[in-house]
Amino acid sequence: MNSGLPDNVILFGRVLRPHGLEGLLRISAFSHSVASLLNAETVFLKLENGENHHTKVISARPHKNIFLVKLAGLTDVGQAEALKGADIYISKNILDREEGEYFWFELLGLKVFLDDGDFLGVVSQIIPAGSNEIYVVKNGEREIFLPAAHEVVNHIDLKNGRMIVSPVEGLLDLNEV
């Protein structure tokens, strides 16, 4: 699945670049919760050249819209620079989430219905777009782009594989491809 990575891991984020001179990393994360990273006994790194490594998280803290992370064995900016662009994976078993937070792997494949019961399609892709992601809902050749906003998404039912959305005036007509 992840070419050399354990089967039970999920992509948590990506190393952007070093921060400072002592091996600290700037991480762009797909979760707003630093707890999952701190709870991970081991993180798995997939480098841009395809190599895989695993190591322990020493510390992690939010900083603006990223995380600053210290990994075991990184002591200088040169070592940290070698990890630039690496994907960071963590075990699914230790995922920690905030209220109302869902992981992409949970949302992909959900059946999407309007609040009146009309079937729109299936979440086929998620596009990161700043403060709200965009859900690409596909039904045959038809694609609808829905913002992942509380005004649009009413309810997510992972147990039954459903997402209920409200039609925002003009949204379903304007963004069909």
N, C-alpha and C. Protein backbone atom coordinates (compact mmCIF):
# COMPACT_ATOMS: atom_id res chain seq x y z
N MET A 1 0.83 -1.20 0.00
CA MET A 1 0.00 0.00 0.00
C MET A 1 0.86 1.25 0.00
N ASN A 2 1.67 1.44 1.04
CA ASN A 2 2.51 2.64 1.15
C ASN A 2 3.96 2.33 0.83
N SER A 3 4.19 1.33 0.00
CA SER A 3 5.52 0.90 -0.43
C SER A 3 6.55 0.90 0.68
N GLY A 4 6.51 -0.16 1.47
CA GLY A 4 7.48 -0.33 2.53
C GLY A 4 7.05 0.17 3.88
N LEU A 5 5.91 0.84 3.96
CA LEU A 5 5.39 1.32 5.23
C LEU A 5 4.40 0.31 5.79
N PRO A 6 4.22 0.27 7.12
CA PRO A 6 3.21 -0.64 7.69
C PRO A 6 1.82 -0.33 7.13
N ASP A 7 0.96 -1.34 7.11
CA ASP A 7 -0.39 -1.19 6.56
C ASP A 7 -1.30 -0.32 7.41
N ASN A 8 -1.04 -0.22 8.70
CA ASN A 8 -1.95 0.49 9.60
C ASN A 8 -1.59 1.96 9.81
N VAL A 9 -0.89 2.57 8.86
CA VAL A 9 -0.51 3.97 9.03
C VAL A 9 -1.32 4.87 8.10
N ILE A 10 -1.38 6.13 8.48
CA ILE A 10 -2.09 7.13 7.70
C ILE A 10 -1.18 8.34 7.54
N LEU A 11 -1.31 8.99 6.40
CA LEU A 11 -0.53 10.20 6.14
C LEU A 11 -0.99 11.29 7.10
N PHE A 12 -0.08 11.80 7.90
CA PHE A 12 -0.39 12.84 8.88
C PHE A 12 -0.02 14.22 8.35
N GLY A 13 1.10 14.31 7.63
CA GLY A 13 1.54 15.61 7.16
C GLY A 13 2.80 15.51 6.33
N ARG A 14 3.40 16.67 6.09
CA ARG A 14 4.60 16.74 5.25
C ARG A 14 5.59 17.72 5.87
N VAL A 15 6.86 17.37 5.78
CA VAL A 15 7.93 18.26 6.26
C VAL A 15 8.09 19.39 5.25
N LEU A 16 7.91 20.62 5.72
CA LEU A 16 8.07 21.78 4.84
C LEU A 16 9.53 22.18 4.72
N ARG A 17 10.17 22.35 5.90
CA ARG A 17 11.58 22.75 5.92
C ARG A 17 12.05 22.80 7.38
N PRO A 18 13.35 22.97 7.59
CA PRO A 18 13.84 23.12 8.97
C PRO A 18 13.36 24.44 9.58
N HIS A 19 13.39 24.47 10.89
CA HIS A 19 13.07 25.70 11.64
C HIS A 19 14.20 25.90 12.64
N GLY A 20 14.96 26.92 12.44
CA GLY A 20 16.10 27.17 13.33
C GLY A 20 17.29 26.31 12.98
N LEU A 21 18.24 26.25 13.91
CA LEU A 21 19.51 25.57 13.64
C LEU A 21 19.68 24.24 14.37
N GLU A 22 18.71 23.85 15.20
CA GLU A 22 18.90 22.68 16.05
C GLU A 22 18.07 21.47 15.65
N GLY A 23 17.67 21.37 14.38
CA GLY A 23 16.99 20.18 13.90
C GLY A 23 15.48 20.18 14.03
N LEU A 24 14.90 21.31 14.40
CA LEU A 24 13.45 21.40 14.48
C LEU A 24 12.86 21.43 13.07
N LEU A 25 11.67 20.82 12.89
CA LEU A 25 11.03 20.74 11.57
C LEU A 25 9.72 21.52 11.55
N ARG A 26 9.46 22.16 10.44
CA ARG A 26 8.16 22.79 10.18
C ARG A 26 7.32 21.76 9.43
N ILE A 27 6.17 21.40 10.01
CA ILE A 27 5.32 20.35 9.46
C ILE A 27 3.97 20.93 9.06
N SER A 28 3.55 20.66 7.84
CA SER A 28 2.19 20.96 7.41
C SER A 28 1.39 19.69 7.67
N ALA A 29 0.36 19.79 8.54
CA ALA A 29 -0.39 18.61 8.96
C ALA A 29 -1.79 18.60 8.37
N PHE A 30 -2.32 17.39 8.18
CA PHE A 30 -3.69 17.22 7.70
C PHE A 30 -4.66 17.09 8.87
N SER A 31 -4.20 17.39 10.07
CA SER A 31 -5.02 17.36 11.28
C SER A 31 -4.72 18.62 12.06
N HIS A 32 -5.71 19.08 12.79
CA HIS A 32 -5.50 20.27 13.63
C HIS A 32 -5.04 19.88 15.03
N SER A 33 -5.00 18.59 15.32
CA SER A 33 -4.67 18.11 16.65
C SER A 33 -3.22 17.64 16.72
N VAL A 34 -2.45 18.31 17.55
CA VAL A 34 -1.06 17.92 17.75
C VAL A 34 -0.98 16.67 18.64
N ALA A 35 -2.07 16.34 19.33
CA ALA A 35 -2.07 15.20 20.25
C ALA A 35 -1.75 13.88 19.54
N SER A 36 -2.26 13.69 18.32
CA SER A 36 -1.97 12.45 17.59
C SER A 36 -0.48 12.29 17.36
N LEU A 37 0.17 13.36 17.04
CA LEU A 37 1.62 13.30 16.82
C LEU A 37 2.36 13.03 18.12
N LEU A 38 1.93 13.68 19.19
CA LEU A 38 2.58 13.47 20.49
C LEU A 38 2.32 12.07 21.03
N ASN A 39 1.15 11.50 20.73
CA ASN A 39 0.81 10.15 21.20
C ASN A 39 1.50 9.06 20.41
N ALA A 40 1.99 9.39 19.25
CA ALA A 40 2.63 8.38 18.40
C ALA A 40 3.96 7.96 19.02
N GLU A 41 4.10 6.68 19.25
CA GLU A 41 5.39 6.20 19.74
C GLU A 41 6.44 6.29 18.64
N THR A 42 5.99 6.04 17.43
CA THR A 42 6.88 6.07 16.28
C THR A 42 6.17 6.78 15.13
N VAL A 43 6.92 7.59 14.40
CA VAL A 43 6.42 8.15 13.15
C VAL A 43 7.24 7.56 12.02
N PHE A 44 6.60 7.44 10.88
CA PHE A 44 7.26 6.87 9.70
C PHE A 44 7.43 7.98 8.68
N LEU A 45 8.63 8.09 8.15
CA LEU A 45 8.95 9.12 7.18
C LEU A 45 9.20 8.48 5.82
N LYS A 46 8.52 9.00 4.80
CA LYS A 46 8.78 8.55 3.44
C LYS A 46 9.43 9.73 2.73
N LEU A 47 10.73 9.60 2.46
CA LEU A 47 11.50 10.67 1.86
C LEU A 47 11.15 10.81 0.38
N GLU A 48 11.47 11.97 -0.18
CA GLU A 48 11.19 12.21 -1.60
C GLU A 48 11.88 11.22 -2.52
N ASN A 49 13.01 10.68 -2.08
CA ASN A 49 13.75 9.71 -2.91
C ASN A 49 13.19 8.28 -2.76
N GLY A 50 12.12 8.12 -1.96
CA GLY A 50 11.49 6.83 -1.79
C GLY A 50 11.93 6.05 -0.56
N GLU A 51 13.00 6.50 0.10
CA GLU A 51 13.46 5.82 1.30
C GLU A 51 12.46 5.99 2.43
N ASN A 52 12.37 4.96 3.30
CA ASN A 52 11.51 5.01 4.47
C ASN A 52 12.38 4.96 5.73
N HIS A 53 11.97 5.75 6.71
CA HIS A 53 12.65 5.75 8.01
C HIS A 53 11.58 5.81 9.09
N HIS A 54 11.94 5.41 10.28
CA HIS A 54 11.04 5.61 11.42
C HIS A 54 11.84 6.18 12.58
N THR A 55 11.15 6.98 13.40
CA THR A 55 11.81 7.62 14.53
C THR A 55 10.77 8.02 15.56
N LYS A 56 11.22 8.54 16.67
CA LYS A 56 10.33 8.96 17.75
C LYS A 56 10.15 10.47 17.75
N VAL A 57 8.97 10.90 18.18
CA VAL A 57 8.69 12.33 18.33
C VAL A 57 9.13 12.75 19.72
N ILE A 58 10.00 13.75 19.78
CA ILE A 58 10.47 14.28 21.06
C ILE A 58 9.52 15.38 21.55
N SER A 59 9.13 16.27 20.64
CA SER A 59 8.20 17.35 21.01
C SER A 59 7.47 17.81 19.75
N ALA A 60 6.30 18.41 19.98
CA ALA A 60 5.52 18.98 18.88
C ALA A 60 4.63 20.06 19.47
N ARG A 61 4.55 21.18 18.74
CA ARG A 61 3.68 22.27 19.21
C ARG A 61 3.15 23.04 18.01
N PRO A 62 1.94 23.57 18.14
CA PRO A 62 1.41 24.40 17.06
C PRO A 62 2.19 25.70 16.93
N HIS A 63 2.32 26.19 15.72
CA HIS A 63 2.98 27.47 15.44
C HIS A 63 2.31 28.05 14.20
N LYS A 64 1.52 29.10 14.41
CA LYS A 64 0.72 29.68 13.33
C LYS A 64 -0.15 28.59 12.73
N ASN A 65 -0.04 28.28 11.45
CA ASN A 65 -0.89 27.24 10.86
C ASN A 65 -0.11 25.95 10.57
N ILE A 66 1.00 25.74 11.27
CA ILE A 66 1.81 24.53 11.10
C ILE A 66 2.15 23.97 12.48
N PHE A 67 2.92 22.89 12.51
CA PHE A 67 3.47 22.36 13.75
C PHE A 67 4.99 22.45 13.69
N LEU A 68 5.59 22.73 14.83
CA LEU A 68 7.05 22.64 14.97
C LEU A 68 7.33 21.34 15.70
N VAL A 69 8.14 20.48 15.09
CA VAL A 69 8.33 19.13 15.59
C VAL A 69 9.81 18.82 15.74
N LYS A 70 10.13 18.20 16.87
CA LYS A 70 11.49 17.72 17.13
C LYS A 70 11.46 16.20 17.11
N LEU A 71 12.25 15.59 16.22
CA LEU A 71 12.33 14.14 16.12
C LEU A 71 13.64 13.65 16.71
N ALA A 72 13.61 12.45 17.25
CA ALA A 72 14.82 11.84 17.83
C ALA A 72 15.90 11.75 16.76
N GLY A 73 17.12 12.10 17.14
CA GLY A 73 18.26 11.97 16.23
C GLY A 73 18.55 13.20 15.39
N LEU A 74 17.61 14.15 15.34
CA LEU A 74 17.87 15.37 14.57
C LEU A 74 18.47 16.42 15.51
N THR A 75 19.70 16.80 15.21
CA THR A 75 20.37 17.74 16.11
C THR A 75 20.84 19.01 15.41
N ASP A 76 20.75 19.04 14.07
CA ASP A 76 21.19 20.26 13.39
C ASP A 76 20.38 20.50 12.13
N VAL A 77 20.53 21.67 11.57
CA VAL A 77 19.76 22.09 10.41
C VAL A 77 20.06 21.22 9.18
N GLY A 78 21.27 20.71 9.05
CA GLY A 78 21.62 19.86 7.92
C GLY A 78 20.84 18.55 7.92
N GLN A 79 20.73 17.94 9.09
CA GLN A 79 19.94 16.71 9.20
C GLN A 79 18.47 16.98 8.91
N ALA A 80 17.97 18.11 9.41
CA ALA A 80 16.57 18.48 9.19
C ALA A 80 16.32 18.79 7.71
N GLU A 81 17.25 19.43 7.06
CA GLU A 81 17.11 19.78 5.64
C GLU A 81 16.97 18.52 4.78
N ALA A 82 17.63 17.43 5.19
CA ALA A 82 17.56 16.18 4.43
C ALA A 82 16.15 15.58 4.44
N LEU A 83 15.30 16.02 5.37
CA LEU A 83 13.93 15.50 5.47
C LEU A 83 12.91 16.39 4.77
N LYS A 84 13.35 17.49 4.20
CA LYS A 84 12.45 18.42 3.52
C LYS A 84 11.65 17.67 2.45
N GLY A 85 10.33 17.84 2.48
CA GLY A 85 9.44 17.20 1.51
C GLY A 85 9.00 15.80 1.91
N ALA A 86 9.52 15.26 3.02
CA ALA A 86 9.15 13.91 3.44
C ALA A 86 7.70 13.88 3.93
N ASP A 87 7.01 12.80 3.62
CA ASP A 87 5.67 12.57 4.15
C ASP A 87 5.82 11.91 5.52
N ILE A 88 4.95 12.31 6.44
CA ILE A 88 4.96 11.77 7.80
C ILE A 88 3.71 10.93 8.00
N TYR A 89 3.91 9.68 8.39
CA TYR A 89 2.81 8.76 8.64
C TYR A 89 2.78 8.40 10.12
N ILE A 90 1.57 8.22 10.65
CA ILE A 90 1.41 7.76 12.02
C ILE A 90 0.43 6.59 12.02
N SER A 91 0.42 5.83 13.09
CA SER A 91 -0.49 4.69 13.23
C SER A 91 -1.93 5.18 13.37
N LYS A 92 -2.85 4.54 12.65
CA LYS A 92 -4.27 4.87 12.77
C LYS A 92 -4.78 4.62 14.19
N ASN A 93 -4.14 3.70 14.90
CA ASN A 93 -4.60 3.31 16.24
C ASN A 93 -4.50 4.42 17.27
N ILE A 94 -3.66 5.41 17.03
CA ILE A 94 -3.46 6.46 18.04
C ILE A 94 -4.04 7.80 17.62
N LEU A 95 -4.85 7.81 16.56
CA LEU A 95 -5.41 9.07 16.09
C LEU A 95 -6.24 9.74 17.18
N ASP A 96 -6.01 11.01 17.34
CA ASP A 96 -6.76 11.83 18.28
C ASP A 96 -7.40 12.94 17.47
N ARG A 97 -8.65 13.19 17.73
CA ARG A 97 -9.35 14.20 16.94
C ARG A 97 -10.08 15.17 17.84
N GLU A 98 -10.26 16.36 17.30
CA GLU A 98 -11.06 17.36 17.98
C GLU A 98 -12.52 17.13 17.63
N GLU A 99 -13.42 17.71 18.39
CA GLU A 99 -14.86 17.60 18.14
C GLU A 99 -15.18 18.01 16.71
N GLY A 100 -15.90 17.16 15.99
CA GLY A 100 -16.31 17.48 14.63
C GLY A 100 -15.21 17.34 13.60
N GLU A 101 -14.06 16.78 13.97
CA GLU A 101 -12.95 16.60 13.03
C GLU A 101 -13.01 15.20 12.44
N TYR A 102 -12.79 15.10 11.14
CA TYR A 102 -12.78 13.82 10.45
C TYR A 102 -11.52 13.74 9.62
N PHE A 103 -11.06 12.52 9.40
CA PHE A 103 -9.88 12.30 8.59
C PHE A 103 -10.30 12.00 7.16
N TRP A 104 -9.47 12.40 6.22
CA TRP A 104 -9.80 12.24 4.81
C TRP A 104 -10.13 10.80 4.47
N PHE A 105 -9.37 9.85 5.00
CA PHE A 105 -9.63 8.45 4.66
C PHE A 105 -11.01 8.01 5.12
N GLU A 106 -11.58 8.69 6.12
CA GLU A 106 -12.93 8.38 6.59
C GLU A 106 -14.01 8.98 5.68
N LEU A 107 -13.70 10.11 5.06
CA LEU A 107 -14.67 10.83 4.24
C LEU A 107 -14.73 10.33 2.80
N LEU A 108 -13.60 9.92 2.28
CA LEU A 108 -13.57 9.43 0.90
C LEU A 108 -14.47 8.20 0.77
N GLY A 109 -15.37 8.24 -0.20
CA GLY A 109 -16.29 7.14 -0.41
C GLY A 109 -17.65 7.31 0.26
N LEU A 110 -17.81 8.35 1.08
CA LEU A 110 -19.12 8.58 1.70
C LEU A 110 -20.15 8.93 0.64
N LYS A 111 -21.37 8.42 0.81
CA LYS A 111 -22.49 8.78 -0.07
C LYS A 111 -23.04 10.12 0.42
N VAL A 112 -23.25 11.04 -0.51
CA VAL A 112 -23.70 12.39 -0.17
C VAL A 112 -25.15 12.58 -0.60
N PHE A 113 -25.95 13.05 0.36
CA PHE A 113 -27.37 13.28 0.12
C PHE A 113 -27.72 14.70 0.51
N LEU A 114 -28.67 15.29 -0.22
CA LEU A 114 -29.25 16.56 0.21
C LEU A 114 -30.12 16.29 1.43
N ASP A 115 -30.39 17.32 2.21
CA ASP A 115 -31.19 17.13 3.41
C ASP A 115 -32.62 16.69 3.10
N ASP A 116 -33.07 16.80 1.84
CA ASP A 116 -34.39 16.30 1.45
C ASP A 116 -34.33 14.84 0.98
N GLY A 117 -33.13 14.22 1.00
CA GLY A 117 -32.98 12.81 0.66
C GLY A 117 -32.46 12.54 -0.73
N ASP A 118 -32.36 13.56 -1.60
CA ASP A 118 -31.84 13.36 -2.95
C ASP A 118 -30.37 12.97 -2.91
N PHE A 119 -30.01 11.94 -3.68
CA PHE A 119 -28.63 11.46 -3.75
C PHE A 119 -27.83 12.35 -4.71
N LEU A 120 -26.69 12.88 -4.22
CA LEU A 120 -25.83 13.71 -5.06
C LEU A 120 -24.68 12.93 -5.68
N GLY A 121 -24.13 11.97 -4.92
CA GLY A 121 -22.99 11.22 -5.41
C GLY A 121 -22.13 10.75 -4.25
N VAL A 122 -20.88 10.48 -4.56
CA VAL A 122 -19.93 9.93 -3.59
C VAL A 122 -18.73 10.86 -3.51
N VAL A 123 -18.21 11.08 -2.29
CA VAL A 123 -17.00 11.89 -2.12
C VAL A 123 -15.85 11.13 -2.77
N SER A 124 -15.32 11.68 -3.87
CA SER A 124 -14.27 11.00 -4.62
C SER A 124 -12.89 11.61 -4.40
N GLN A 125 -12.88 12.85 -3.92
CA GLN A 125 -11.61 13.55 -3.75
C GLN A 125 -11.83 14.68 -2.76
N ILE A 126 -10.76 15.08 -2.08
CA ILE A 126 -10.81 16.23 -1.18
C ILE A 126 -9.67 17.15 -1.58
N ILE A 127 -10.01 18.41 -1.81
CA ILE A 127 -9.01 19.39 -2.23
C ILE A 127 -8.75 20.35 -1.08
N PRO A 128 -7.49 20.44 -0.62
CA PRO A 128 -7.19 21.42 0.43
C PRO A 128 -7.32 22.83 -0.14
N ALA A 129 -8.03 23.69 0.58
CA ALA A 129 -8.27 25.04 0.07
C ALA A 129 -8.32 26.04 1.22
N GLY A 130 -7.24 26.16 1.96
CA GLY A 130 -7.20 27.13 3.05
C GLY A 130 -7.99 26.65 4.25
N SER A 131 -8.92 27.50 4.72
CA SER A 131 -9.63 27.18 5.96
C SER A 131 -10.65 26.06 5.78
N ASN A 132 -11.18 25.86 4.59
CA ASN A 132 -12.13 24.78 4.31
C ASN A 132 -11.66 23.97 3.12
N GLU A 133 -11.73 22.64 3.27
CA GLU A 133 -11.45 21.80 2.13
C GLU A 133 -12.64 21.85 1.18
N ILE A 134 -12.43 21.34 -0.02
CA ILE A 134 -13.49 21.21 -1.01
C ILE A 134 -13.71 19.71 -1.24
N TYR A 135 -14.95 19.26 -1.06
CA TYR A 135 -15.30 17.87 -1.33
C TYR A 135 -15.74 17.76 -2.79
N VAL A 136 -15.09 16.88 -3.53
CA VAL A 136 -15.50 16.60 -4.90
C VAL A 136 -16.46 15.42 -4.82
N VAL A 137 -17.72 15.68 -5.19
CA VAL A 137 -18.77 14.66 -5.12
C VAL A 137 -19.07 14.23 -6.55
N LYS A 138 -18.88 12.95 -6.81
CA LYS A 138 -19.00 12.43 -8.18
C LYS A 138 -20.19 11.48 -8.28
N ASN A 139 -20.94 11.66 -9.37
CA ASN A 139 -22.06 10.78 -9.68
C ASN A 139 -22.00 10.54 -11.19
N GLY A 140 -21.42 9.42 -11.58
CA GLY A 140 -21.18 9.17 -13.01
C GLY A 140 -20.12 10.14 -13.51
N GLU A 141 -20.44 10.87 -14.56
CA GLU A 141 -19.51 11.86 -15.10
C GLU A 141 -19.67 13.23 -14.43
N ARG A 142 -20.72 13.40 -13.66
CA ARG A 142 -21.03 14.68 -13.03
C ARG A 142 -20.21 14.86 -11.75
N GLU A 143 -19.59 16.01 -11.61
CA GLU A 143 -18.85 16.36 -10.39
C GLU A 143 -19.41 17.63 -9.80
N ILE A 144 -19.56 17.62 -8.48
CA ILE A 144 -20.02 18.80 -7.75
C ILE A 144 -18.94 19.13 -6.72
N PHE A 145 -18.62 20.40 -6.59
CA PHE A 145 -17.62 20.85 -5.64
C PHE A 145 -18.34 21.49 -4.46
N LEU A 146 -18.21 20.86 -3.27
CA LEU A 146 -18.88 21.35 -2.08
C LEU A 146 -17.85 21.82 -1.06
N PRO A 147 -18.00 23.04 -0.54
CA PRO A 147 -17.10 23.48 0.52
C PRO A 147 -17.39 22.72 1.80
N ALA A 148 -16.36 22.34 2.51
CA ALA A 148 -16.51 21.64 3.78
C ALA A 148 -16.77 22.67 4.88
N ALA A 149 -17.94 23.27 4.80
CA ALA A 149 -18.31 24.33 5.75
C ALA A 149 -19.58 23.91 6.48
N HIS A 150 -19.73 24.37 7.72
CA HIS A 150 -20.90 24.02 8.53
C HIS A 150 -22.21 24.45 7.87
N GLU A 151 -22.16 25.50 7.06
CA GLU A 151 -23.37 25.97 6.37
C GLU A 151 -23.82 24.99 5.30
N VAL A 152 -22.91 24.17 4.81
CA VAL A 152 -23.21 23.22 3.74
C VAL A 152 -23.36 21.80 4.29
N VAL A 153 -22.40 21.35 5.08
CA VAL A 153 -22.40 19.98 5.61
C VAL A 153 -23.18 19.95 6.92
N ASN A 154 -24.34 19.28 6.90
CA ASN A 154 -25.19 19.20 8.09
C ASN A 154 -24.77 18.09 9.03
N HIS A 155 -24.44 16.92 8.45
CA HIS A 155 -24.21 15.75 9.29
C HIS A 155 -23.30 14.77 8.56
N ILE A 156 -22.38 14.18 9.31
CA ILE A 156 -21.53 13.12 8.78
C ILE A 156 -21.77 11.90 9.64
N ASP A 157 -22.18 10.82 8.99
CA ASP A 157 -22.50 9.56 9.67
C ASP A 157 -21.54 8.49 9.14
N LEU A 158 -20.40 8.34 9.83
CA LEU A 158 -19.39 7.40 9.37
C LEU A 158 -19.89 5.96 9.46
N LYS A 159 -20.67 5.66 10.49
CA LYS A 159 -21.16 4.30 10.69
C LYS A 159 -21.97 3.83 9.49
N ASN A 160 -22.81 4.70 8.94
CA ASN A 160 -23.65 4.35 7.81
C ASN A 160 -23.12 4.86 6.47
N GLY A 161 -21.93 5.48 6.47
CA GLY A 161 -21.29 5.92 5.23
C GLY A 161 -22.03 7.02 4.50
N ARG A 162 -22.58 7.98 5.27
CA ARG A 162 -23.41 9.04 4.66
C ARG A 162 -22.97 10.43 5.11
N MET A 163 -23.15 11.37 4.21
CA MET A 163 -22.97 12.79 4.50
C MET A 163 -24.25 13.49 4.03
N ILE A 164 -24.81 14.33 4.91
CA ILE A 164 -26.02 15.07 4.58
C ILE A 164 -25.62 16.53 4.41
N VAL A 165 -26.03 17.13 3.27
CA VAL A 165 -25.66 18.52 2.98
C VAL A 165 -26.91 19.34 2.67
N SER A 166 -26.79 20.63 2.90
CA SER A 166 -27.84 21.58 2.53
C SER A 166 -27.45 22.25 1.23
N PRO A 167 -28.41 22.41 0.34
CA PRO A 167 -28.08 23.11 -0.91
C PRO A 167 -27.98 24.61 -0.65
N VAL A 168 -26.84 25.17 -0.95
CA VAL A 168 -26.67 26.61 -0.87
C VAL A 168 -27.12 27.17 -2.21
N GLU A 169 -27.92 28.20 -2.18
CA GLU A 169 -28.51 28.73 -3.40
C GLU A 169 -27.48 28.94 -4.50
N GLY A 170 -27.70 28.31 -5.65
CA GLY A 170 -26.84 28.46 -6.81
C GLY A 170 -25.62 27.56 -6.82
N LEU A 171 -25.25 27.02 -5.67
CA LEU A 171 -24.00 26.25 -5.57
C LEU A 171 -24.04 24.99 -6.44
N LEU A 172 -25.12 24.24 -6.39
CA LEU A 172 -25.19 23.00 -7.15
C LEU A 172 -25.27 23.24 -8.65
N ASP A 173 -25.86 24.36 -9.06
CA ASP A 173 -25.97 24.69 -10.47
C ASP A 173 -24.67 25.27 -11.02
N LEU A 174 -24.00 26.10 -10.24
CA LEU A 174 -22.82 26.81 -10.72
C LEU A 174 -21.58 25.96 -10.83
N ASN A 175 -21.43 24.98 -9.95
CA ASN A 175 -20.13 24.29 -9.94
C ASN A 175 -20.17 22.91 -10.59
N GLU A 176 -21.19 22.61 -11.35
CA GLU A 176 -21.20 21.33 -12.05
C GLU A 176 -20.19 21.38 -13.20
N VAL A 177 -19.51 20.28 -13.41
CA VAL A 177 -18.53 20.17 -14.50
C VAL A 177 -19.01 19.12 -15.46
